[in-house]
């Protein structure tokens, strides 16, 4: 396993403690300084190499899959996956425990695809037994969609457990691994799924501009005619790339070049395993330090992802998130506001060009910020902790 060589941000550039966009290496930024012709053989070769290297990340079962990049943000790629791979007469079970599961359900409504939802709220993951019950009760459900890491809460969902249940029931599983792919294993020969989707600017540490779907070739072949959008037609994009090596429409050439550099750094760090170890260590150091300050996590340890962690806002009347955000930014760290509906919270990301030394600096900055604001205690509301304990029981 390789040792990460991290490039700190340049003078005046803060660390992005977010789930992407994130802090990238200087070499990744430099890779965008050259212009590329989208039709040129050099760029077509770059696209082919990128697709092949992404497939390698899913392990020995990759021969049955292909990788299709799609211009736009991660949500564009998710919609392309749903709108193209789900037949128009399909029925899908959407597993929801946060904002991104809710967004999938909203997308399904826009696409006019029949679906039902299991919504677990903000604190808890969907579990295999309840998915099994839902599939047994409704034999018309043909597909299941799961968010791998729900970054609105920071929860890491039990993807292996759910995949086994879906496979046993003879249904098809699509995984939104937007914020997890590249740092958490999704070996195709060990986890039975039919498609996953992720983005350039997450755990591979590229910059925003495209996402990608890795899907079984048989599923891609069967998807012709499903899409109701020209630009988000995954089959058409795949067919064009297979025939010409080109993207159908203008690709984000500079972003792809940056991504190739990020992929090289990913391999040098030890691939998925090496990247995952660094992120998990970032989380452990940061969470321990924040708890020492009195902060508490939304989730119990067993569900904490190595991607991003949600903390309750303190009840101390001197605490104000906007002031806390500004104080952290002045010390070189951009944190993330909360995305929960039931309690005030904020989030701190663990991914990007950061290591445990940076995370110790994050904790020190939080301590200084609390002192500056006159916050005597970072303890969360007692009711929030009671609700967490009740739901986790």
Protein backbone atom coordinates (compact mmCIF):
# COMPACT_ATOMS: atom_id res chain seq x y z
CA UNK A 1 0.00 0.00 0.00
CA UNK A 2 1.47 3.34 -1.06
CA UNK A 3 2.13 6.29 1.14
CA UNK A 4 0.07 9.34 0.24
CA UNK A 5 2.07 12.37 -0.82
CA UNK A 6 -0.16 15.32 -0.17
CA UNK A 7 0.06 18.77 -1.70
CA UNK A 8 -1.15 21.44 0.77
CA UNK A 9 -3.25 24.29 -0.59
CA UNK A 10 -1.26 27.28 -1.76
CA UNK A 11 -0.97 30.39 0.38
CA UNK A 12 -4.43 31.84 0.98
CA UNK A 13 -6.30 28.78 -0.33
CA UNK A 14 -8.45 27.12 2.36
CA UNK A 15 -9.02 23.42 2.83
CA UNK A 16 -12.45 22.30 1.63
CA UNK A 17 -13.92 20.09 4.37
CA UNK A 18 -16.77 19.09 2.07
CA UNK A 19 -17.94 15.92 0.29
CA UNK A 20 -16.83 17.33 -3.09
CA UNK A 21 -15.75 19.61 -4.61
CA UNK A 22 -12.76 19.04 -2.38
CA UNK A 23 -9.14 20.04 -1.93
CA UNK A 24 -7.15 18.75 -4.89
CA UNK A 25 -3.42 18.36 -5.42
CA UNK A 26 -1.38 20.98 -7.21
CA UNK A 27 -0.47 18.39 -9.86
CA UNK A 28 -4.18 17.81 -10.55
CA UNK A 29 -4.71 21.54 -10.98
CA UNK A 30 -1.67 21.79 -13.28
CA UNK A 31 -3.08 19.08 -15.54
CA UNK A 32 -5.78 21.52 -16.65
CA UNK A 33 -3.29 23.98 -18.18
CA UNK A 34 -3.27 22.27 -21.61
CA UNK A 35 -6.05 22.50 -24.19
CA UNK A 36 -7.32 19.32 -25.84
CA UNK A 37 -9.35 18.71 -28.99
CA UNK A 38 -12.31 16.52 -28.17
CA UNK A 39 -12.07 14.74 -31.53
CA UNK A 40 -8.31 14.29 -31.42
CA UNK A 41 -6.81 10.82 -31.08
CA UNK A 42 -4.89 11.82 -27.94
CA UNK A 43 -8.06 12.80 -26.12
CA UNK A 44 -9.93 9.74 -27.36
CA UNK A 45 -7.10 7.59 -25.99
CA UNK A 46 -7.36 9.45 -22.69
CA UNK A 47 -11.10 8.71 -22.50
CA UNK A 48 -10.51 5.03 -23.25
CA UNK A 49 -7.80 4.78 -20.59
CA UNK A 50 -10.01 6.50 -18.04
CA UNK A 51 -12.89 4.09 -18.66
CA UNK A 52 -10.58 1.09 -18.37
CA UNK A 53 -8.96 2.29 -15.14
CA UNK A 54 -12.33 2.94 -13.51
CA UNK A 55 -13.46 -0.58 -14.41
CA UNK A 56 -10.33 -1.99 -12.78
CA UNK A 57 -11.54 -0.58 -9.45
CA UNK A 58 -14.46 -3.02 -9.29
CA UNK A 59 -12.15 -6.03 -9.41
CA UNK A 60 -12.24 -9.42 -11.13
CA UNK A 61 -15.91 -9.20 -12.13
CA UNK A 62 -15.29 -6.14 -14.30
CA UNK A 63 -15.42 -8.07 -17.60
CA UNK A 64 -19.22 -8.10 -17.41
CA UNK A 65 -19.39 -4.30 -16.99
CA UNK A 66 -18.58 -1.17 -18.94
CA UNK A 67 -17.99 2.43 -17.88
CA UNK A 68 -19.88 5.33 -19.41
CA UNK A 69 -18.84 8.89 -18.46
CA UNK A 70 -21.51 11.60 -18.61
CA UNK A 71 -21.04 15.37 -18.69
CA UNK A 72 -22.39 17.44 -15.80
CA UNK A 73 -22.62 17.18 -12.04
CA UNK A 74 -23.14 13.97 -10.12
CA UNK A 75 -26.90 14.49 -10.19
CA UNK A 76 -26.79 14.54 -14.00
CA UNK A 77 -25.12 11.11 -13.93
CA UNK A 78 -27.61 9.74 -11.39
CA UNK A 79 -30.52 10.89 -13.55
CA UNK A 80 -28.87 9.40 -16.63
CA UNK A 81 -28.54 6.06 -14.83
CA UNK A 82 -32.15 6.06 -13.60
CA UNK A 83 -33.70 7.36 -16.80
CA UNK A 84 -31.74 5.01 -19.05
CA UNK A 85 -31.35 1.76 -17.12
CA UNK A 86 -34.85 1.59 -15.63
CA UNK A 87 -37.40 0.45 -18.23
CA UNK A 88 -40.40 2.72 -18.57
CA UNK A 89 -42.69 -0.02 -17.24
CA UNK A 90 -40.44 -0.88 -14.27
CA UNK A 91 -41.21 -0.43 -10.59
CA UNK A 92 -38.42 0.56 -8.23
CA UNK A 93 -37.93 0.45 -4.47
CA UNK A 94 -36.01 3.57 -3.41
CA UNK A 95 -34.24 3.33 -0.06
CA UNK A 96 -34.13 6.74 1.61
CA UNK A 97 -32.35 7.99 4.71
CA UNK A 98 -31.39 11.52 3.79
CA UNK A 99 -31.46 14.27 1.17
CA UNK A 100 -29.85 12.28 -1.64
CA UNK A 101 -32.24 9.36 -1.34
CA UNK A 102 -35.03 11.93 -1.38
CA UNK A 103 -33.51 13.44 -4.53
CA UNK A 104 -33.57 10.03 -6.21
CA UNK A 105 -37.27 9.66 -5.38
CA UNK A 106 -37.90 13.16 -6.77
CA UNK A 107 -36.01 12.26 -9.94
CA UNK A 108 -38.12 9.14 -10.32
CA UNK A 109 -41.24 11.30 -10.18
CA UNK A 110 -39.86 13.61 -12.88
CA UNK A 111 -39.05 10.57 -15.02
CA UNK A 112 -42.55 9.17 -14.43
CA UNK A 113 -41.09 5.86 -13.27
CA UNK A 114 -43.25 3.89 -10.86
CA UNK A 115 -41.61 3.65 -7.44
CA UNK A 116 -42.16 3.09 -3.75
CA UNK A 117 -40.05 4.35 -0.87
CA UNK A 118 -38.72 3.06 2.44
CA UNK A 119 -37.76 6.20 4.35
CA UNK A 120 -35.68 5.70 7.52
CA UNK A 121 -35.26 9.37 8.41
CA UNK A 122 -31.90 10.96 9.20
CA UNK A 123 -30.46 8.63 11.82
CA UNK A 124 -30.78 5.04 10.64
CA UNK A 125 -29.85 2.95 7.60
CA UNK A 126 -32.20 0.72 5.62
CA UNK A 127 -31.62 -2.91 6.58
CA UNK A 128 -31.70 -6.12 4.61
CA UNK A 129 -34.60 -7.69 6.46
CA UNK A 130 -37.00 -4.83 5.76
CA UNK A 131 -35.95 -4.76 2.10
CA UNK A 132 -36.62 -8.50 1.91
CA UNK A 133 -40.09 -8.00 3.38
CA UNK A 134 -40.88 -5.22 0.89
CA UNK A 135 -39.73 -7.29 -2.09
CA UNK A 136 -41.67 -10.34 -0.96
CA UNK A 137 -44.82 -8.26 -0.45
CA UNK A 138 -44.68 -6.66 -3.93
CA UNK A 139 -43.52 -8.94 -6.72
CA UNK A 140 -43.96 -6.13 -9.26
CA UNK A 141 -40.85 -4.37 -7.88
CA UNK A 142 -38.10 -5.01 -10.42
CA UNK A 143 -35.31 -2.73 -9.18
CA UNK A 144 -33.89 -1.31 -5.95
CA UNK A 145 -31.89 1.93 -5.64
CA UNK A 146 -29.61 2.60 -2.67
CA UNK A 147 -27.32 5.50 -1.70
CA UNK A 148 -23.98 4.03 -0.59
CA UNK A 149 -22.92 6.94 1.64
CA UNK A 150 -25.70 9.40 2.51
CA UNK A 151 -23.67 12.57 2.96
CA UNK A 152 -26.53 14.67 4.32
CA UNK A 153 -26.03 12.77 7.59
CA UNK A 154 -22.68 11.07 6.92
CA UNK A 155 -24.20 7.61 7.31
CA UNK A 156 -22.57 4.62 5.60
CA UNK A 157 -25.34 2.30 4.47
CA UNK A 158 -24.94 -1.52 4.63
CA UNK A 159 -24.60 -2.00 0.88
CA UNK A 160 -23.33 -5.60 1.03
CA UNK A 161 -26.22 -6.72 3.23
CA UNK A 162 -28.82 -5.10 1.00
CA UNK A 163 -27.17 -6.32 -2.22
CA UNK A 164 -27.38 -9.93 -1.04
CA UNK A 165 -31.08 -9.59 -0.21
CA UNK A 166 -31.89 -7.96 -3.56
CA UNK A 167 -29.92 -10.61 -5.43
CA UNK A 168 -31.61 -13.44 -3.52
CA UNK A 169 -34.99 -12.00 -4.48
CA UNK A 170 -34.01 -11.93 -8.17
CA UNK A 171 -34.20 -8.15 -8.46
CA UNK A 172 -31.74 -5.60 -9.82
CA UNK A 173 -29.70 -3.23 -7.61
CA UNK A 174 -28.50 0.22 -8.66
CA UNK A 175 -26.13 2.00 -6.26
CA UNK A 176 -25.55 5.73 -5.93
CA UNK A 177 -21.93 5.52 -4.79
CA UNK A 178 -21.31 9.16 -5.56
CA UNK A 179 -19.36 9.93 -2.37
CA UNK A 180 -17.91 6.49 -1.67
CA UNK A 181 -16.55 4.99 -4.90
CA UNK A 182 -12.78 5.03 -4.92
CA UNK A 183 -12.41 4.83 -1.14
CA UNK A 184 -14.78 1.98 -0.21
CA UNK A 185 -14.65 -1.42 -1.87
CA UNK A 186 -17.40 -2.36 -4.34
CA UNK A 187 -15.97 -5.54 -5.82
CA UNK A 188 -18.30 -6.83 -8.51
CA UNK A 189 -17.48 -10.46 -7.72
CA UNK A 190 -18.36 -9.98 -4.05
CA UNK A 191 -21.26 -7.49 -4.07
CA UNK A 192 -24.06 -8.38 -6.52
CA UNK A 193 -25.15 -5.14 -8.19
CA UNK A 194 -26.00 -4.17 -11.76
CA UNK A 195 -24.92 -0.53 -11.85
CA UNK A 196 -23.13 2.09 -9.78
CA UNK A 197 -22.72 5.81 -10.33
CA UNK A 198 -20.10 8.24 -9.06
CA UNK A 199 -18.41 11.52 -9.93
CA UNK A 200 -15.00 12.95 -10.79
CA UNK A 201 -14.80 15.29 -7.80
CA UNK A 202 -15.24 12.85 -4.93
CA UNK A 203 -12.94 10.14 -3.57
CA UNK A 204 -10.73 10.01 -6.65
CA UNK A 205 -9.99 13.70 -5.93
CA UNK A 206 -10.59 15.18 -9.37
CA UNK A 207 -12.45 18.39 -10.13
CA UNK A 208 -16.17 18.83 -10.98
CA UNK A 209 -17.41 18.38 -14.54
CA UNK A 210 -18.54 14.82 -15.18
CA UNK A 211 -19.87 11.68 -13.54
CA UNK A 212 -19.72 8.07 -14.67
CA UNK A 213 -21.92 4.99 -14.59
CA UNK A 214 -20.45 1.50 -14.35
CA UNK A 215 -23.12 -0.95 -15.48
CA UNK A 216 -23.44 -4.51 -16.68
CA UNK A 217 -23.07 -4.65 -20.45
CA UNK A 218 -26.26 -6.67 -20.71
CA UNK A 219 -28.14 -3.94 -18.86
CA UNK A 220 -26.67 -1.25 -21.11
CA UNK A 221 -27.62 -3.22 -24.21
CA UNK A 222 -31.18 -3.66 -22.95
CA UNK A 223 -31.55 0.06 -22.17
CA UNK A 224 -31.89 1.27 -25.76
CA UNK A 225 -35.05 3.35 -25.99
CA UNK A 226 -35.61 3.81 -22.26
CA UNK A 227 -34.32 7.39 -21.96
CA UNK A 228 -36.60 10.36 -22.33
CA UNK A 229 -33.72 12.83 -22.54
CA UNK A 230 -31.32 13.22 -25.45
CA UNK A 231 -28.41 14.61 -23.42
CA UNK A 232 -28.85 12.09 -20.58
CA UNK A 233 -29.29 8.99 -22.75
CA UNK A 234 -26.71 6.64 -21.28
CA UNK A 235 -27.18 4.01 -24.00
CA UNK A 236 -26.60 6.53 -26.77
CA UNK A 237 -23.51 7.89 -25.01
CA UNK A 238 -22.17 4.34 -24.59
CA UNK A 239 -22.92 3.35 -28.21
CA UNK A 240 -21.20 6.48 -29.52
CA UNK A 241 -18.10 5.89 -27.40
CA UNK A 242 -17.92 2.26 -28.45
CA UNK A 243 -18.16 3.23 -32.14
CA UNK A 244 -16.05 6.40 -32.30
CA UNK A 245 -14.20 6.73 -28.98
CA UNK A 246 -15.72 10.20 -28.65
CA UNK A 247 -18.24 11.79 -26.29
CA UNK A 248 -21.46 12.64 -28.16
CA UNK A 249 -21.35 16.30 -27.18
CA UNK A 250 -18.56 18.64 -26.05
CA UNK A 251 -16.70 16.89 -23.21
CA UNK A 252 -15.07 18.64 -20.23
CA UNK A 253 -11.61 18.09 -21.70
CA UNK A 254 -9.62 19.87 -18.98
CA UNK A 255 -11.56 18.04 -16.27
CA UNK A 256 -10.80 14.67 -17.86
CA UNK A 257 -7.09 15.55 -18.02
CA UNK A 258 -7.16 16.50 -14.34
CA UNK A 259 -8.98 13.27 -13.54
CA UNK A 260 -6.27 11.21 -15.24
CA UNK A 261 -3.69 12.81 -12.96
CA UNK A 262 -5.94 12.16 -9.96
CA UNK A 263 -6.26 8.51 -11.01
CA UNK A 264 -2.46 8.20 -11.13
CA UNK A 265 -2.24 9.58 -7.59
CA UNK A 266 -5.00 7.21 -6.50
CA UNK A 267 -3.04 4.19 -7.77
CA UNK A 268 0.18 5.47 -6.14
CA UNK A 269 -1.61 5.66 -2.78
CA UNK A 270 -2.62 2.02 -2.94
CA UNK A 271 -5.88 2.29 -4.85
CA UNK A 272 -9.23 1.95 -3.13
CA UNK A 273 -7.76 0.32 -0.02
CA UNK A 274 -5.06 2.93 0.47
CA UNK A 275 -7.40 5.85 -0.08
CA UNK A 276 -9.93 4.34 2.30
CA UNK A 277 -7.36 3.92 5.08
CA UNK A 278 -6.33 7.58 4.92
CA UNK A 279 -9.92 8.80 4.97
CA UNK A 280 -10.86 6.53 7.88
CA UNK A 281 -7.87 7.80 9.85
CA UNK A 282 -8.88 11.38 9.05
CA UNK A 283 -12.33 10.67 10.45
CA UNK A 284 -11.08 8.99 13.60
CA UNK A 285 -8.62 11.77 14.47
CA UNK A 286 -11.13 14.52 13.76
CA UNK A 287 -14.07 12.91 15.57
CA UNK A 288 -12.00 12.19 18.67
CA UNK A 289 -10.76 15.77 18.77
CA UNK A 290 -14.20 17.30 18.24
CA UNK A 291 -15.67 15.10 20.97
CA UNK A 292 -12.91 16.28 23.31
CA UNK A 293 -14.23 19.81 22.67
CA UNK A 294 -17.74 18.70 23.65
CA UNK A 295 -19.25 18.23 20.19
CA UNK A 296 -21.22 15.06 19.48
CA UNK A 297 -21.90 13.23 16.23
CA UNK A 298 -25.36 12.72 14.84
CA UNK A 299 -24.63 9.02 14.37
CA UNK A 300 -23.30 6.25 16.55
CA UNK A 301 -19.80 5.06 15.64
CA UNK A 302 -20.95 1.94 13.74
CA UNK A 303 -22.63 4.08 11.08
CA UNK A 304 -20.01 6.85 10.75
CA UNK A 305 -18.62 6.98 7.22
CA UNK A 306 -15.03 7.96 6.41
CA UNK A 307 -16.40 10.52 3.96
CA UNK A 308 -18.15 13.21 6.02
CA UNK A 309 -19.35 13.50 9.62
CA UNK A 310 -22.41 15.38 10.90
CA UNK A 311 -22.23 17.12 14.28
CA UNK A 312 -25.05 18.56 16.36
CA UNK A 313 -24.87 22.32 16.82
CA UNK A 314 -24.25 23.31 20.46
CA UNK A 315 -27.14 24.61 22.55
CA UNK A 316 -24.95 27.34 24.06
CA UNK A 317 -26.70 30.64 23.21
CA UNK A 318 -23.37 32.13 22.13
CA UNK A 319 -23.08 29.59 19.31
CA UNK A 320 -24.16 30.75 15.87
CA UNK A 321 -23.33 28.59 12.86
CA UNK A 322 -22.70 31.49 10.50
CA UNK A 323 -20.20 33.01 12.91
CA UNK A 324 -18.61 29.60 13.49
CA UNK A 325 -18.34 29.07 9.73
CA UNK A 326 -16.69 32.45 9.24
CA UNK A 327 -14.29 31.84 12.14
CA UNK A 328 -13.27 28.46 10.69
CA UNK A 329 -12.85 29.97 7.22
CA UNK A 330 -10.60 32.71 8.58
CA UNK A 331 -8.38 29.92 9.94
CA UNK A 332 -8.19 28.17 6.57
CA UNK A 333 -11.05 25.65 6.72
CA UNK A 334 -14.37 25.68 4.85
CA UNK A 335 -16.90 23.44 6.58
CA UNK A 336 -20.35 22.43 5.40
CA UNK A 337 -23.77 23.45 6.75
CA UNK A 338 -26.15 20.76 7.95
CA UNK A 339 -28.78 19.25 5.68
CA UNK A 340 -31.11 17.76 8.26
CA UNK A 341 -34.71 18.72 8.89
CA UNK A 342 -35.03 17.60 12.50
CA UNK A 343 -32.10 19.28 14.27
CA UNK A 344 -29.50 22.01 13.72
CA UNK A 345 -26.22 20.52 12.55
CA UNK A 346 -23.07 21.04 10.52
CA UNK A 347 -20.74 18.71 8.64
CA UNK A 348 -16.99 18.20 8.34
CA UNK A 349 -15.59 16.24 5.41
CA UNK A 350 -12.74 13.74 5.67
CA UNK A 351 -11.87 13.45 1.97
CA UNK A 352 -9.53 15.32 -0.34
CA UNK A 353 -5.83 16.16 -0.05
CA UNK A 354 -5.81 16.01 3.76
CA UNK A 355 -4.22 13.77 6.36
CA UNK A 356 -4.38 13.42 10.15
CA UNK A 357 -2.09 16.42 10.70
CA UNK A 358 -4.61 18.59 8.86
CA UNK A 359 -7.45 17.12 10.89
CA UNK A 360 -5.66 18.01 14.12
CA UNK A 361 -5.41 21.55 12.79
CA UNK A 362 -9.16 21.47 12.10
CA UNK A 363 -9.82 20.60 15.74
CA UNK A 364 -7.50 23.36 16.92
CA UNK A 365 -9.31 25.84 14.68
CA UNK A 366 -12.67 24.73 16.10
CA UNK A 367 -11.35 25.24 19.64
CA UNK A 368 -10.13 28.75 18.80
CA UNK A 369 -13.40 29.59 17.05
CA UNK A 370 -15.47 28.56 20.08
CA UNK A 371 -13.28 30.69 22.32
CA UNK A 372 -13.59 33.65 19.95
CA UNK A 373 -17.39 33.32 20.01
CA UNK A 374 -17.53 32.98 23.78
CA UNK A 375 -19.06 29.48 23.65
CA UNK A 376 -18.65 27.85 27.05
CA UNK A 377 -19.98 24.40 26.01
CA UNK A 378 -20.24 22.62 22.67
CA UNK A 379 -22.72 20.09 24.09
CA UNK A 380 -25.74 19.36 21.87
CA UNK A 381 -29.40 19.47 22.92
CA UNK A 382 -30.24 16.69 25.37
CA UNK A 383 -33.38 15.93 23.37
CA UNK A 384 -31.31 15.27 20.25
CA UNK A 385 -29.15 12.74 22.07
CA UNK A 386 -32.23 11.08 23.53
CA UNK A 387 -33.78 10.79 20.07
CA UNK A 388 -30.58 9.31 18.68
CA UNK A 389 -30.50 6.75 21.48
CA UNK A 390 -34.18 5.88 20.99
CA UNK A 391 -33.81 5.30 17.26
CA UNK A 392 -30.61 3.31 17.69
CA UNK A 393 -32.13 1.00 20.29
